[in-house]
Amino acid sequence: MAAPRRLTAASMLLLFGTLALANQVVFSHGVHGSDHLGPSVPHRWFSEFDARANGDDGKAPEGMELIPLAVQGENGDRVNLAIFADGYEKDKFLADIKTLTDDIVGESGAMAHVADLVNVYGVWVESEKSGLGHDGPLPGSPFGLYREGATLRAVMPGYPKRARAACQQWSKDKDACDQAVILGNDELYGGLGGEFTITTSSKANGVVVARHELGHSLIEVGEEYDGGYVYSGDNSDLVENVGKIKWADHLSEPNPVIQDAHVAIQNYAWHNLNTSWSGTPSSANNKSCSDAYDNSMLRLSLSSIAQPDHINVTLNGENIDLAPGFLPEMKDSLDRRWVEIFLTEPLPVGNSSLQISLTQKGREAKEGKGGKMVTSVEIIEYGRSFVKQEGFVGAFPTVWENGNITLRPTNEECIMRKVNYPSFCSVCKDSLRKHLLGRIEKKKGGKK
């Protein structure tokens, strides 16, 4: 048995340089402009929607009400988040914004460590109807949020100029809107990142979208998940910089080595399982060392799949038990879910066959919005020396959609890597505080 491999920058470049073309085949996204089909919601500037915003008068809605939720100090000395209502009845909005606020800046919230720098407000805006539009705004909704198409993914602003004016009004009158969130009244996953953050009232996923996209807006960091194309900021560095990595002050061990992992397949499929889906994972194991990567993880994202026995996943003809990855808090849910299953046997040398289909129970089960879909598929192989210790900060490889490699600080322990993880890594936490302080100083400077 060969000794475990510890990758240096040079060997990493050599190894992944030879895999670049293969990765271009393995990765499949269906990218259309900036609408990248990643694990989270699309990232857009609202100005992209201005030209097609029929009925958008560009005026702030009348009768808005500012609701203090978590106020730590004077607005001029804080970064102020304002959460706007769309398609809501007031009592439900008040309950939902309290939950969202607790999940963001509460005692165990993702931004609890910077709660002293942030104020959170709700903004009640009346709607004529309750809910979310489909392929167009609901009549009488203040910001016109709607789902585009059938998938549990993008929620678009029908009236972006009106949304911008609403935030500007509260910024001017009360200095209460430095960063806006628009909350859509819908119980399923969806949203948008960019100038504002759009999310829904989904119990499982509303905060998932909000905190990941606020990470981009407030910290100005890039992605950490595989298969994307925006890798920049304090949480990303080049392979050749491993000896002088940006987060050197956070390292768990001095002189980091690049962790030995290989993405065997990664596909943002968004595939309706009315027909089966198949893929071809390609192992980094070879004939001279068939178990150098002796374990791996299968990660799926699914929608409208309520039970593990509603779906059949086979790897090289062997069924994979998904039950451990179906979390009890999402029992019977038709919302979007993430499923992680650790595979204890090495993938065979060369290509494998991965098949995903509905079982008879799955075909007969109730279908939610967006259909019964596999939205993403990934298998990551781990070398025997790979460090999985939770909280370990080192140099972990992230594979771009084109096969390029950059480094991130942790394995899976960050919202920017794993969108349903509850907290930021230590690097992003420090960066968040730094950027919030910078925004506050900029505000103060602008008032002199």
Protein backbone atom coordinates (compact mmCIF):
# COMPACT_ATOMS: atom_id res chain seq x y z
CA MET A 1 0.00 0.00 0.00
CA ALA A 2 1.42 3.35 -1.00
CA ALA A 3 1.99 6.05 1.59
CA PRO A 4 -0.71 8.72 1.93
CA ARG A 5 -0.12 11.67 -0.34
CA ARG A 6 0.38 15.19 0.97
CA LEU A 7 -0.05 17.60 -1.90
CA THR A 8 2.31 20.53 -2.33
CA ALA A 9 1.50 23.50 -4.54
CA ALA A 10 3.65 22.08 -7.32
CA SER A 11 2.12 18.60 -7.20
CA MET A 12 -1.35 20.13 -6.95
CA LEU A 13 -0.79 22.13 -10.12
CA LEU A 14 0.60 19.07 -11.88
CA LEU A 15 -2.23 16.80 -10.76
CA PHE A 16 -5.10 19.15 -11.45
CA GLY A 17 -3.57 20.50 -14.61
CA THR A 18 -3.94 17.02 -16.12
CA LEU A 19 -7.52 16.79 -14.87
CA ALA A 20 -8.72 20.13 -16.21
CA LEU A 21 -10.19 18.76 -19.43
CA ALA A 22 -11.86 15.89 -17.60
CA ASN A 23 -13.38 18.30 -15.12
CA GLN A 24 -14.87 20.30 -17.97
CA VAL A 25 -16.76 17.14 -18.92
CA VAL A 26 -17.74 16.19 -15.38
CA PHE A 27 -19.01 19.67 -14.50
CA SER A 28 -22.32 20.56 -16.09
CA HIS A 29 -24.24 23.66 -15.12
CA GLY A 30 -26.20 25.22 -17.92
CA VAL A 31 -24.81 28.68 -17.26
CA HIS A 32 -26.68 31.56 -18.87
CA GLY A 33 -24.90 34.85 -18.34
CA SER A 34 -24.73 35.62 -14.62
CA ASP A 35 -27.53 33.16 -13.82
CA HIS A 36 -25.19 30.43 -12.63
CA LEU A 37 -26.97 27.24 -11.61
CA GLY A 38 -25.14 26.81 -8.31
CA PRO A 39 -26.40 25.40 -5.01
CA SER A 40 -27.75 28.73 -3.80
CA VAL A 41 -30.00 31.26 -5.51
CA PRO A 42 -28.91 33.41 -8.50
CA HIS A 43 -26.93 36.58 -7.87
CA ARG A 44 -28.14 39.66 -9.76
CA TRP A 45 -28.13 43.45 -9.57
CA PHE A 46 -31.67 44.78 -9.50
CA SER A 47 -30.82 47.22 -12.30
CA GLU A 48 -30.93 44.21 -14.65
CA PHE A 49 -34.67 44.06 -14.04
CA ASP A 50 -35.41 47.79 -14.34
CA ALA A 51 -36.06 47.80 -18.09
CA ARG A 52 -38.62 44.98 -17.95
CA ALA A 53 -40.37 46.12 -14.77
CA ASN A 54 -43.83 46.86 -16.12
CA GLY A 55 -45.93 48.84 -13.68
CA ASP A 56 -42.96 49.89 -11.56
CA ASP A 57 -43.56 53.55 -10.71
CA GLY A 58 -40.22 53.86 -8.91
CA LYS A 59 -41.90 55.32 -5.82
CA ALA A 60 -41.63 54.03 -2.28
CA PRO A 61 -44.90 52.39 -1.17
CA GLU A 62 -47.14 54.52 1.02
CA GLY A 63 -47.93 53.61 4.61
CA MET A 64 -44.68 51.79 5.39
CA GLU A 65 -44.08 51.07 9.09
CA LEU A 66 -40.62 50.68 10.64
CA ILE A 67 -40.47 47.91 13.27
CA PRO A 68 -37.40 47.67 15.57
CA LEU A 69 -36.27 44.05 15.94
CA ALA A 70 -32.70 44.01 17.25
CA VAL A 71 -31.42 47.53 17.89
CA GLN A 72 -28.01 47.71 19.54
CA GLY A 73 -27.30 51.43 19.23
CA GLU A 74 -27.66 54.56 17.14
CA ASN A 75 -28.30 53.87 13.46
CA GLY A 76 -25.41 56.11 12.47
CA ASP A 77 -23.04 53.87 14.42
CA ARG A 78 -24.34 50.58 13.03
CA VAL A 79 -24.95 48.77 9.76
CA ASN A 80 -28.73 48.61 9.51
CA LEU A 81 -30.55 45.66 7.95
CA ALA A 82 -34.12 46.34 6.87
CA ILE A 83 -36.43 43.38 6.15
CA PHE A 84 -39.35 44.38 3.89
CA ALA A 85 -42.68 42.53 3.57
CA ASP A 86 -44.11 41.35 0.26
CA GLY A 87 -47.35 39.37 -0.10
CA TYR A 88 -47.95 39.25 3.65
CA GLU A 89 -50.63 39.60 6.29
CA LYS A 90 -49.19 41.59 9.17
CA ASP A 91 -49.36 39.01 11.99
CA LYS A 92 -47.54 36.39 9.93
CA PHE A 93 -44.93 38.92 8.83
CA LEU A 94 -44.20 39.87 12.44
CA ALA A 95 -43.73 36.22 13.39
CA ASP A 96 -41.54 35.45 10.37
CA ILE A 97 -39.22 38.44 10.77
CA LYS A 98 -38.70 37.61 14.44
CA THR A 99 -37.60 34.09 13.45
CA LEU A 100 -35.32 35.40 10.70
CA THR A 101 -33.77 38.00 13.01
CA ASP A 102 -33.08 35.41 15.72
CA ASP A 103 -31.41 33.12 13.17
CA ILE A 104 -29.15 35.94 11.96
CA VAL A 105 -28.19 37.99 15.05
CA GLY A 106 -29.69 35.99 17.92
CA GLU A 107 -27.59 34.29 20.59
CA SER A 108 -26.79 31.33 18.32
CA GLY A 109 -27.28 33.16 15.03
CA ALA A 110 -24.81 33.20 12.15
CA MET A 111 -23.91 36.84 12.87
CA ALA A 112 -24.13 36.72 16.67
CA HIS A 113 -20.45 37.64 16.95
CA VAL A 114 -21.09 40.99 15.23
CA ALA A 115 -24.53 41.70 16.69
CA ASP A 116 -23.03 44.75 18.42
CA LEU A 117 -22.37 46.30 14.99
CA VAL A 118 -25.77 45.59 13.44
CA ASN A 119 -29.31 46.88 13.88
CA VAL A 120 -32.20 44.94 12.38
CA TYR A 121 -35.55 46.47 11.43
CA GLY A 122 -38.66 45.10 9.85
CA VAL A 123 -40.59 47.24 7.38
CA TRP A 124 -44.28 46.42 7.15
CA VAL A 125 -45.74 47.14 3.72
CA GLU A 126 -49.33 46.18 2.99
CA SER A 127 -50.21 43.83 0.12
CA GLU A 128 -53.60 43.24 -1.47
CA LYS A 129 -53.05 39.48 -1.72
CA SER A 130 -51.13 36.90 0.28
CA GLY A 131 -48.39 34.79 -1.27
CA LEU A 132 -45.91 34.90 -4.12
CA GLY A 133 -46.48 35.46 -7.82
CA HIS A 134 -45.68 32.90 -10.51
CA ASP A 135 -44.05 34.15 -13.72
CA GLY A 136 -45.24 37.62 -12.77
CA PRO A 137 -46.10 39.75 -9.72
CA LEU A 138 -49.23 39.23 -7.65
CA PRO A 139 -51.60 42.18 -8.17
CA GLY A 140 -51.22 44.68 -5.37
CA SER A 141 -47.91 43.41 -4.04
CA PRO A 142 -45.52 46.26 -3.16
CA PHE A 143 -42.35 44.78 -4.67
CA GLY A 144 -43.91 42.22 -7.01
CA LEU A 145 -41.93 39.14 -5.98
CA TYR A 146 -42.53 36.12 -8.19
CA ARG A 147 -41.07 32.73 -9.03
CA GLU A 148 -39.64 32.42 -12.51
CA GLY A 149 -40.39 29.01 -13.97
CA ALA A 150 -41.15 25.82 -12.08
CA THR A 151 -37.98 25.25 -10.06
CA LEU A 152 -37.51 26.03 -6.37
CA ARG A 153 -34.79 28.54 -7.08
CA ALA A 154 -35.09 32.13 -8.27
CA VAL A 155 -37.55 34.63 -6.80
CA MET A 156 -37.48 37.77 -8.90
CA PRO A 157 -38.41 41.40 -8.10
CA GLY A 158 -41.23 42.66 -10.29
CA TYR A 159 -40.75 46.24 -9.08
CA PRO A 160 -37.04 46.76 -8.40
CA LYS A 161 -37.11 50.56 -8.67
CA ARG A 162 -39.86 50.68 -6.06
CA ALA A 163 -37.79 48.45 -3.77
CA ARG A 164 -34.77 50.68 -4.22
CA ALA A 165 -36.83 53.78 -3.45
CA ALA A 166 -38.23 52.17 -0.28
CA CYS A 167 -34.75 51.47 1.09
CA GLN A 168 -33.54 54.92 0.10
CA GLN A 169 -36.46 56.53 1.92
CA TRP A 170 -35.68 54.77 5.19
CA SER A 171 -31.99 55.47 4.72
CA LYS A 172 -32.68 59.17 4.25
CA ASP A 173 -35.34 59.57 6.96
CA LYS A 174 -34.04 57.28 9.70
CA ASP A 175 -30.64 55.99 8.49
CA ALA A 176 -32.31 52.58 8.86
CA CYS A 177 -31.58 50.81 5.56
CA ASP A 178 -27.95 50.13 4.71
CA GLN A 179 -28.75 46.63 3.47
CA ALA A 180 -32.22 45.51 2.41
CA VAL A 181 -33.81 42.07 2.58
CA ILE A 182 -37.18 41.45 0.92
CA LEU A 183 -39.12 38.60 2.50
CA GLY A 184 -41.57 36.77 0.25
CA ASN A 185 -44.55 35.01 1.80
CA ASP A 186 -43.95 31.49 0.54
CA GLU A 187 -43.17 28.30 2.48
CA LEU A 188 -40.66 26.90 -0.02
CA TYR A 189 -37.03 27.59 -0.99
CA GLY A 190 -36.21 30.51 -3.26
CA GLY A 191 -34.63 33.92 -3.49
CA LEU A 192 -32.09 36.16 -5.15
CA GLY A 193 -28.76 37.67 -4.19
CA GLY A 194 -27.30 40.97 -5.31
CA GLU A 195 -28.16 44.59 -4.60
CA PHE A 196 -30.79 43.37 -2.15
CA THR A 197 -31.29 39.90 -0.72
CA ILE A 198 -34.59 38.21 -1.51
CA THR A 199 -35.65 35.18 0.49
CA THR A 200 -38.84 33.40 1.52
CA SER A 201 -40.50 32.32 4.75
CA SER A 202 -39.46 28.69 4.22
CA LYS A 203 -38.87 27.20 7.68
CA ALA A 204 -36.04 25.02 6.38
CA ASN A 205 -34.45 27.37 3.87
CA GLY A 206 -35.46 31.01 4.35
CA VAL A 207 -32.53 31.76 6.62
CA VAL A 208 -30.24 29.53 4.49
CA VAL A 209 -30.68 31.91 1.56
CA ALA A 210 -30.56 35.07 3.69
CA ARG A 211 -27.35 34.39 5.57
CA HIS A 212 -25.40 33.07 2.54
CA GLU A 213 -26.36 36.06 0.39
CA LEU A 214 -25.78 38.51 3.23
CA GLY A 215 -22.33 36.96 3.45
CA HIS A 216 -21.66 38.15 -0.09
CA SER A 217 -23.22 41.57 0.51
CA LEU A 218 -21.69 42.36 3.89
CA ILE A 219 -18.34 40.57 3.75
CA GLU A 220 -17.63 40.81 0.02
CA VAL A 221 -16.33 37.26 -0.14
CA GLY A 222 -16.67 34.78 -2.97
CA GLU A 223 -18.10 31.28 -3.07
CA GLU A 224 -16.48 28.25 -1.48
CA TYR A 225 -18.60 25.48 -3.02
CA ASP A 226 -17.33 23.53 -6.02
CA GLY A 227 -18.45 24.18 -9.56
CA GLY A 228 -18.78 27.96 -9.42
CA TYR A 229 -16.80 30.75 -11.00
CA VAL A 230 -16.56 33.60 -8.45
CA TYR A 231 -13.71 32.77 -6.07
CA SER A 232 -12.24 35.93 -4.55
CA GLY A 233 -11.96 37.88 -1.33
CA ASP A 234 -10.67 36.99 2.10
CA ASN A 235 -11.82 33.35 1.90
CA SER A 236 -10.05 32.43 -1.34
CA ASP A 237 -6.41 32.19 -2.38
CA LEU A 238 -4.28 30.81 -5.19
CA VAL A 239 -2.69 27.37 -4.99
CA GLU A 240 0.78 28.86 -5.41
CA ASN A 241 0.18 31.05 -2.33
CA VAL A 242 -0.18 28.12 0.07
CA GLY A 243 3.06 29.14 1.82
CA LYS A 244 1.82 32.71 2.34
CA ILE A 245 -1.91 32.11 2.51
CA LYS A 246 -4.27 35.01 3.30
CA TRP A 247 -5.61 33.43 6.48
CA ALA A 248 -2.22 32.51 7.98
CA ASP A 249 -3.27 33.96 11.36
CA HIS A 250 -6.14 31.46 11.54
CA LEU A 251 -4.28 28.28 10.59
CA SER A 252 -4.70 25.27 12.89
CA GLU A 253 -1.16 24.15 12.03
CA PRO A 254 1.81 26.13 10.66
CA ASN A 255 3.14 25.35 7.19
CA PRO A 256 -0.13 24.13 5.67
CA VAL A 257 -0.31 21.49 2.98
CA ILE A 258 -3.07 21.39 0.42
CA GLN A 259 -5.61 18.82 1.51
CA ASP A 260 -5.91 15.83 -0.81
CA ALA A 261 -9.43 15.72 -2.25
CA HIS A 262 -10.85 15.06 -5.70
CA VAL A 263 -14.25 15.94 -7.14
CA ALA A 264 -15.33 12.80 -8.99
CA ILE A 265 -18.54 14.37 -10.27
CA GLN A 266 -20.31 17.67 -9.74
CA ASN A 267 -23.47 18.57 -11.62
CA TYR A 268 -26.12 21.24 -11.04
CA ALA A 269 -28.66 19.07 -12.77
CA TRP A 270 -32.03 20.71 -11.98
CA HIS A 271 -33.50 17.56 -13.50
CA ASN A 272 -37.16 16.54 -13.19
CA LEU A 273 -37.25 12.89 -12.14
CA ASN A 274 -40.20 12.10 -14.37
CA THR A 275 -37.26 10.57 -16.21
CA SER A 276 -34.20 9.10 -14.50
CA TRP A 277 -30.88 10.94 -14.24
CA SER A 278 -27.48 9.37 -14.79
CA GLY A 279 -23.90 10.52 -14.38
CA THR A 280 -20.36 9.17 -14.66
CA PRO A 281 -18.15 9.82 -11.63
CA SER A 282 -14.45 9.62 -12.51
CA SER A 283 -12.20 8.43 -9.70
CA ALA A 284 -8.68 9.70 -9.00
CA ASN A 285 -7.73 6.16 -7.93
CA ASN A 286 -5.47 4.37 -10.39
CA LYS A 287 -4.10 0.88 -11.00
CA SER A 288 -0.91 1.49 -9.05
CA CYS A 289 -2.86 2.61 -5.97
CA SER A 290 -6.52 1.69 -6.15
CA ASP A 291 -7.39 2.99 -2.68
CA ALA A 292 -5.37 6.22 -2.40
CA TYR A 293 -8.79 7.88 -2.07
CA ASP A 294 -10.37 5.34 0.24
CA ASN A 295 -13.62 7.13 1.12
CA SER A 296 -15.91 9.74 -0.36
CA MET A 297 -19.08 11.75 0.19
CA LEU A 298 -22.20 11.83 -1.94
CA ARG A 299 -24.05 15.14 -1.69
CA LEU A 300 -27.46 15.59 -3.29
CA SER A 301 -29.93 18.42 -3.38
CA LEU A 302 -33.54 17.41 -3.96
CA SER A 303 -36.95 19.06 -4.10
CA SER A 304 -40.39 17.50 -3.61
CA ILE A 305 -38.80 14.28 -2.33
CA ALA A 306 -40.45 13.77 1.06
CA GLN A 307 -39.03 10.38 2.07
CA PRO A 308 -35.80 8.46 1.38
CA ASP A 309 -37.76 5.54 -0.06
CA HIS A 310 -39.25 7.84 -2.71
CA ILE A 311 -35.96 7.90 -4.60
CA ASN A 312 -33.50 5.24 -5.70
CA VAL A 313 -29.79 6.08 -6.01
CA THR A 314 -27.40 3.42 -7.27
CA LEU A 315 -23.63 3.54 -7.68
CA ASN A 316 -22.33 0.84 -10.00
CA GLY A 317 -25.59 -1.05 -9.51
CA GLU A 318 -25.48 -0.95 -5.70
CA ASN A 319 -28.28 0.87 -3.84
CA ILE A 320 -27.21 3.71 -1.54
CA ASP A 321 -29.23 4.07 1.67
CA LEU A 322 -30.28 7.72 1.84
CA ALA A 323 -32.14 7.47 5.15
CA PRO A 324 -29.24 8.84 7.29
CA GLY A 325 -29.23 12.00 5.16
CA PHE A 326 -32.94 12.77 5.54
CA LEU A 327 -33.02 14.99 8.62
CA PRO A 328 -35.90 14.48 11.08
CA GLU A 329 -36.71 18.20 11.18
CA MET A 330 -37.66 17.99 7.48
CA LYS A 331 -39.83 14.87 7.83
CA ASP A 332 -42.44 14.76 5.02
CA SER A 333 -41.27 18.13 3.66
CA LEU A 334 -41.61 18.88 -0.06
CA ASP A 335 -39.16 21.77 0.25
CA ARG A 336 -35.65 21.69 -1.14
CA ARG A 337 -33.29 19.56 0.96
CA TRP A 338 -29.61 18.62 1.06
CA VAL A 339 -28.63 14.99 1.62
CA GLU A 340 -25.09 13.92 2.53
CA ILE A 341 -24.03 10.27 2.62
CA PHE A 342 -20.48 9.14 3.41
CA LEU A 343 -19.26 6.24 1.29
CA THR A 344 -16.74 4.10 3.14
CA GLU A 345 -15.51 2.09 0.15
CA PRO A 346 -13.16 3.61 -2.46
CA LEU A 347 -14.55 4.31 -5.90
CA PRO A 348 -13.24 1.82 -8.47
CA VAL A 349 -10.48 2.85 -10.85
CA GLY A 350 -11.79 4.75 -13.85
CA ASN A 351 -15.41 5.71 -14.43
CA SER A 352 -18.42 4.65 -12.38
CA SER A 353 -22.14 4.71 -13.07
CA LEU A 354 -24.46 6.81 -10.89
CA GLN A 355 -28.22 6.47 -11.43
CA ILE A 356 -31.05 8.42 -9.77
CA SER A 357 -34.74 7.63 -10.26
CA LEU A 358 -38.08 7.69 -8.48
CA THR A 359 -39.33 4.54 -6.79
CA GLN A 360 -42.93 3.42 -7.22
CA LYS A 361 -43.74 5.17 -3.92
CA GLY A 362 -42.02 8.28 -5.20
CA ARG A 363 -44.01 8.32 -8.43
CA GLU A 364 -47.27 7.95 -6.51
CA ALA A 365 -46.40 10.53 -3.83
CA LYS A 366 -47.72 14.07 -3.78
CA GLU A 367 -45.76 16.51 -5.94
CA GLY A 368 -44.90 19.94 -4.61
CA LYS A 369 -44.07 23.14 -6.48
CA GLY A 370 -41.26 22.70 -8.94
CA GLY A 371 -41.74 18.97 -9.39
CA LYS A 372 -39.77 16.03 -8.04
CA MET A 373 -36.24 17.09 -8.89
CA VAL A 374 -32.62 16.28 -8.32
CA THR A 375 -31.13 19.76 -8.34
CA SER A 376 -27.47 18.97 -7.71
CA VAL A 377 -25.17 15.95 -7.48
CA GLU A 378 -21.62 15.77 -6.16
CA ILE A 379 -19.17 13.07 -5.10
CA ILE A 380 -15.94 14.15 -3.40
CA GLU A 381 -13.14 11.63 -2.84
CA TYR A 382 -10.79 12.05 0.12
CA GLY A 383 -7.17 11.00 0.36
CA ARG A 384 -6.12 9.06 3.44
CA SER A 385 -4.35 12.10 4.90
CA PHE A 386 -7.33 14.44 4.41
CA VAL A 387 -8.22 16.31 7.62
CA LYS A 388 -11.95 16.20 8.40
CA GLN A 389 -11.64 17.57 11.91
CA GLU A 390 -14.41 20.11 12.42
CA GLY A 391 -13.10 23.65 12.73
CA PHE A 392 -9.67 22.79 11.28
CA VAL A 393 -8.36 25.75 9.27
CA GLY A 394 -5.90 24.93 6.53
CA ALA A 395 -5.75 24.87 2.73
CA PHE A 396 -8.67 23.02 1.13
CA PRO A 397 -9.04 22.79 -2.66
CA THR A 398 -12.12 24.16 -4.40
CA VAL A 399 -12.70 23.15 -8.02
CA TRP A 400 -14.11 25.73 -10.43
CA GLU A 401 -16.55 24.89 -13.21
CA ASN A 402 -13.64 24.99 -15.70
CA GLY A 403 -11.37 22.72 -13.62
CA ASN A 404 -9.23 25.48 -12.08
CA ILE A 405 -8.33 25.18 -8.41
CA THR A 406 -8.32 27.76 -5.62
CA LEU A 407 -8.01 27.32 -1.87
CA ARG A 408 -10.51 27.88 0.95
CA PRO A 409 -9.97 27.87 4.75
CA THR A 410 -12.07 24.89 5.97
CA ASN A 411 -13.49 21.62 4.75
CA GLU A 412 -17.27 22.08 5.09
CA GLU A 413 -17.65 24.37 8.12
CA CYS A 414 -18.76 27.64 6.54
CA ILE A 415 -22.00 29.09 5.20
CA MET A 416 -20.11 30.19 2.10
CA ARG A 417 -19.13 26.57 1.37
CA LYS A 418 -22.14 24.62 2.57
CA VAL A 419 -25.18 26.84 2.24
CA ASN A 420 -27.16 25.05 4.95
CA TYR A 421 -24.32 25.17 7.51
CA PRO A 422 -25.36 27.37 10.48
CA SER A 423 -22.27 29.59 10.85
CA PHE A 424 -19.33 31.26 9.15
CA CYS A 425 -15.79 29.93 9.49
CA SER A 426 -13.34 31.92 11.63
CA VAL A 427 -11.86 33.60 8.55
CA CYS A 428 -15.23 34.86 7.32
CA LYS A 429 -16.22 35.85 10.86
CA ASP A 430 -13.19 38.11 11.18
CA SER A 431 -13.72 39.45 7.69
CA LEU A 432 -17.35 40.25 8.49
CA ARG A 433 -16.37 42.32 11.50
CA LYS A 434 -13.68 44.11 9.50
CA HIS A 435 -16.06 45.00 6.67
CA LEU A 436 -18.88 46.09 8.98
CA LEU A 437 -16.50 48.41 10.82
CA GLY A 438 -15.36 49.75 7.45
CA ARG A 439 -18.93 50.48 6.38
CA ILE A 440 -19.64 52.24 9.66
CA GLU A 441 -16.53 54.41 9.32
CA LYS A 442 -17.51 55.23 5.75
CA LYS A 443 -20.97 56.29 6.92
CA LYS A 444 -19.51 58.52 9.59
CA GLY A 445 -17.03 60.02 7.16
CA GLY A 446 -19.81 60.84 4.73
CA LYS A 447 -21.59 62.92 7.34
CA LYS A 448 -18.67 65.22 8.12
